[in-house]
């Protein structure tokens, strides 16, 4: 499964980007229980952290690697990769582009690949509609949190 979705957000680029700091992950990914740095490199690319995710009563812990990182005044980008439940390889990219002082174009793209029989079977059996809903829910949360932060500041 691959996707790319865009959303215009009525908030400055730095406010949107702040939500993607590992310390703030729970605000936009409520099932993330913890992020703990394993290795934080000065250039950020190549850094790794351990993430714990809760699904129901079960916790899943995995290592996330930052594959790409860019942080300029007009464009911010982070691409992460991890294996989930030893069944899926996840690649997620978050890109923000400054449209104006008060508006940001947010692009969320990624892929979810089955890396073994179980993972491939689960992806084939899973509903594309449900997968798309997860993506749209994530976009909604990012927008809601960024707009909330902007309203608090203004």
Protein backbone atom coordinates (compact mmCIF):
# COMPACT_ATOMS: atom_id res chain seq x y z
CA UNK A 1 0.00 0.00 0.00
CA UNK A 2 1.35 3.42 -0.99
CA UNK A 3 -0.14 6.87 -0.53
CA UNK A 4 0.46 10.61 -0.92
CA UNK A 5 -2.02 13.11 0.50
CA UNK A 6 -1.81 16.89 0.80
CA UNK A 7 -3.55 19.34 3.08
CA UNK A 8 -3.41 23.13 3.39
CA UNK A 9 -3.19 24.03 7.05
CA UNK A 10 -3.99 27.50 8.39
CA UNK A 11 -0.95 27.72 10.66
CA UNK A 12 2.69 28.80 10.23
CA UNK A 13 5.16 26.18 9.04
CA UNK A 14 7.14 26.15 12.32
CA UNK A 15 4.01 25.36 14.36
CA UNK A 16 3.12 22.44 12.09
CA UNK A 17 6.73 21.18 12.09
CA UNK A 18 6.89 21.32 15.88
CA UNK A 19 4.24 18.57 16.03
CA UNK A 20 6.73 16.20 14.35
CA UNK A 21 9.37 16.51 17.05
CA UNK A 22 9.71 13.09 18.66
CA UNK A 23 8.79 14.58 22.04
CA UNK A 24 5.36 15.65 20.71
CA UNK A 25 4.43 12.45 18.85
CA UNK A 26 1.48 11.61 21.13
CA UNK A 27 -0.36 14.75 20.05
CA UNK A 28 -0.64 13.56 16.45
CA UNK A 29 -0.20 9.81 17.03
CA UNK A 30 -2.24 9.03 20.14
CA UNK A 31 -1.35 5.32 20.11
CA UNK A 32 2.35 6.15 20.55
CA UNK A 33 3.14 5.52 24.21
CA UNK A 34 6.81 6.53 24.21
CA UNK A 35 9.70 7.72 22.05
CA UNK A 36 13.20 7.27 23.44
CA UNK A 37 16.29 8.40 21.57
CA UNK A 38 18.87 5.68 20.92
CA UNK A 39 21.25 7.79 18.85
CA UNK A 40 20.63 11.44 17.98
CA UNK A 41 23.08 12.65 15.33
CA UNK A 42 23.81 16.37 14.85
CA UNK A 43 22.62 16.27 11.21
CA UNK A 44 19.55 14.22 12.38
CA UNK A 45 19.62 11.93 9.30
CA UNK A 46 20.64 8.48 10.50
CA UNK A 47 19.38 9.10 14.03
CA UNK A 48 17.39 6.33 15.69
CA UNK A 49 14.82 6.16 18.45
CA UNK A 50 12.79 3.44 20.07
CA UNK A 51 9.05 3.88 19.73
CA UNK A 52 6.38 2.04 21.70
CA UNK A 53 2.92 1.84 20.16
CA UNK A 54 -0.20 0.55 21.91
CA UNK A 55 -2.88 -1.35 20.02
CA UNK A 56 -5.60 -2.40 22.44
CA UNK A 57 -3.87 -4.06 25.41
CA UNK A 58 -0.78 -4.99 23.39
CA UNK A 59 2.35 -2.83 23.17
CA UNK A 60 4.67 -3.06 20.19
CA UNK A 61 8.20 -1.63 20.42
CA UNK A 62 10.42 -1.05 17.39
CA UNK A 63 13.35 1.08 16.26
CA UNK A 64 12.66 4.06 13.99
CA UNK A 65 15.42 5.45 11.76
CA UNK A 66 15.32 8.96 10.32
CA UNK A 67 16.23 8.42 6.67
CA UNK A 68 15.94 12.04 5.44
CA UNK A 69 15.74 15.33 7.28
CA UNK A 70 15.49 18.92 6.05
CA UNK A 71 14.70 22.00 8.10
CA UNK A 72 14.78 25.31 6.22
CA UNK A 73 12.60 28.40 6.57
CA UNK A 74 10.43 27.44 3.58
CA UNK A 75 10.56 23.62 3.56
CA UNK A 76 10.70 21.00 6.28
CA UNK A 77 10.87 17.27 5.64
CA UNK A 78 11.32 14.08 7.62
CA UNK A 79 11.31 10.53 6.25
CA UNK A 80 11.28 7.69 8.76
CA UNK A 81 11.46 3.93 8.38
CA UNK A 82 10.72 1.04 10.75
CA UNK A 83 9.52 -2.55 10.89
CA UNK A 84 6.21 -3.09 12.66
CA UNK A 85 5.38 -6.42 14.33
CA UNK A 86 8.11 -8.11 12.27
CA UNK A 87 5.53 -8.22 9.48
CA UNK A 88 5.54 -4.78 7.85
CA UNK A 89 8.11 -2.31 6.61
CA UNK A 90 6.79 1.20 7.11
CA UNK A 91 8.15 4.24 5.26
CA UNK A 92 6.55 7.54 6.25
CA UNK A 93 7.39 11.02 4.98
CA UNK A 94 6.15 14.33 6.35
CA UNK A 95 6.80 17.42 4.23
CA UNK A 96 5.80 20.99 5.00
CA UNK A 97 6.12 23.88 2.56
CA UNK A 98 5.51 27.49 3.50
CA UNK A 99 2.62 28.95 1.48
CA UNK A 100 2.44 32.19 3.47
CA UNK A 101 3.22 33.38 6.99
CA UNK A 102 -0.05 31.80 8.19
CA UNK A 103 -0.48 28.83 5.85
CA UNK A 104 1.45 25.60 5.27
CA UNK A 105 1.09 22.86 2.67
CA UNK A 106 1.46 19.53 4.45
CA UNK A 107 2.19 16.38 2.42
CA UNK A 108 1.96 12.97 4.06
CA UNK A 109 3.25 10.08 2.02
CA UNK A 110 4.30 6.57 2.75
CA UNK A 111 4.20 2.89 2.09
CA UNK A 112 3.34 -0.18 4.09
CA UNK A 113 4.89 -3.37 2.70
CA UNK A 114 4.41 -6.91 3.97
CA UNK A 115 7.86 -8.37 4.62
CA UNK A 116 6.72 -11.94 5.25
CA UNK A 117 3.77 -14.17 4.44
CA UNK A 118 1.71 -12.93 7.40
CA UNK A 119 2.33 -9.26 6.56
CA UNK A 120 1.52 -9.71 2.87
CA UNK A 121 -1.65 -11.68 3.70
CA UNK A 122 -2.83 -9.07 6.21
CA UNK A 123 -2.36 -6.29 3.67
CA UNK A 124 -4.28 -8.22 1.01
CA UNK A 125 -7.12 -8.97 3.42
CA UNK A 126 -7.20 -5.45 4.86
CA UNK A 127 -9.66 -2.93 3.52
CA UNK A 128 -8.26 -0.10 1.39
CA UNK A 129 -11.11 2.05 2.73
CA UNK A 130 -9.95 1.47 6.33
CA UNK A 131 -6.34 2.22 5.33
CA UNK A 132 -7.38 5.47 3.69
CA UNK A 133 -9.44 6.42 6.76
CA UNK A 134 -6.35 6.04 8.97
CA UNK A 135 -4.48 8.41 6.63
CA UNK A 136 -7.29 11.00 6.63
CA UNK A 137 -7.65 10.76 10.42
CA UNK A 138 -3.93 11.48 10.75
CA UNK A 139 -4.18 14.52 8.44
CA UNK A 140 -7.16 15.77 10.47
CA UNK A 141 -5.25 15.42 13.77
CA UNK A 142 -2.22 17.28 12.43
CA UNK A 143 -4.44 20.08 11.14
CA UNK A 144 -6.47 20.29 14.37
CA UNK A 145 -3.39 20.41 16.61
CA UNK A 146 -1.58 23.00 14.46
CA UNK A 147 -4.63 25.26 14.17
CA UNK A 148 -5.21 24.93 17.92
CA UNK A 149 -1.62 25.96 18.67
CA UNK A 150 -1.90 28.91 16.28
CA UNK A 151 -5.14 30.14 17.88
CA UNK A 152 -3.52 29.94 21.33
CA UNK A 153 -0.63 32.11 20.12
CA UNK A 154 -2.76 34.75 18.39
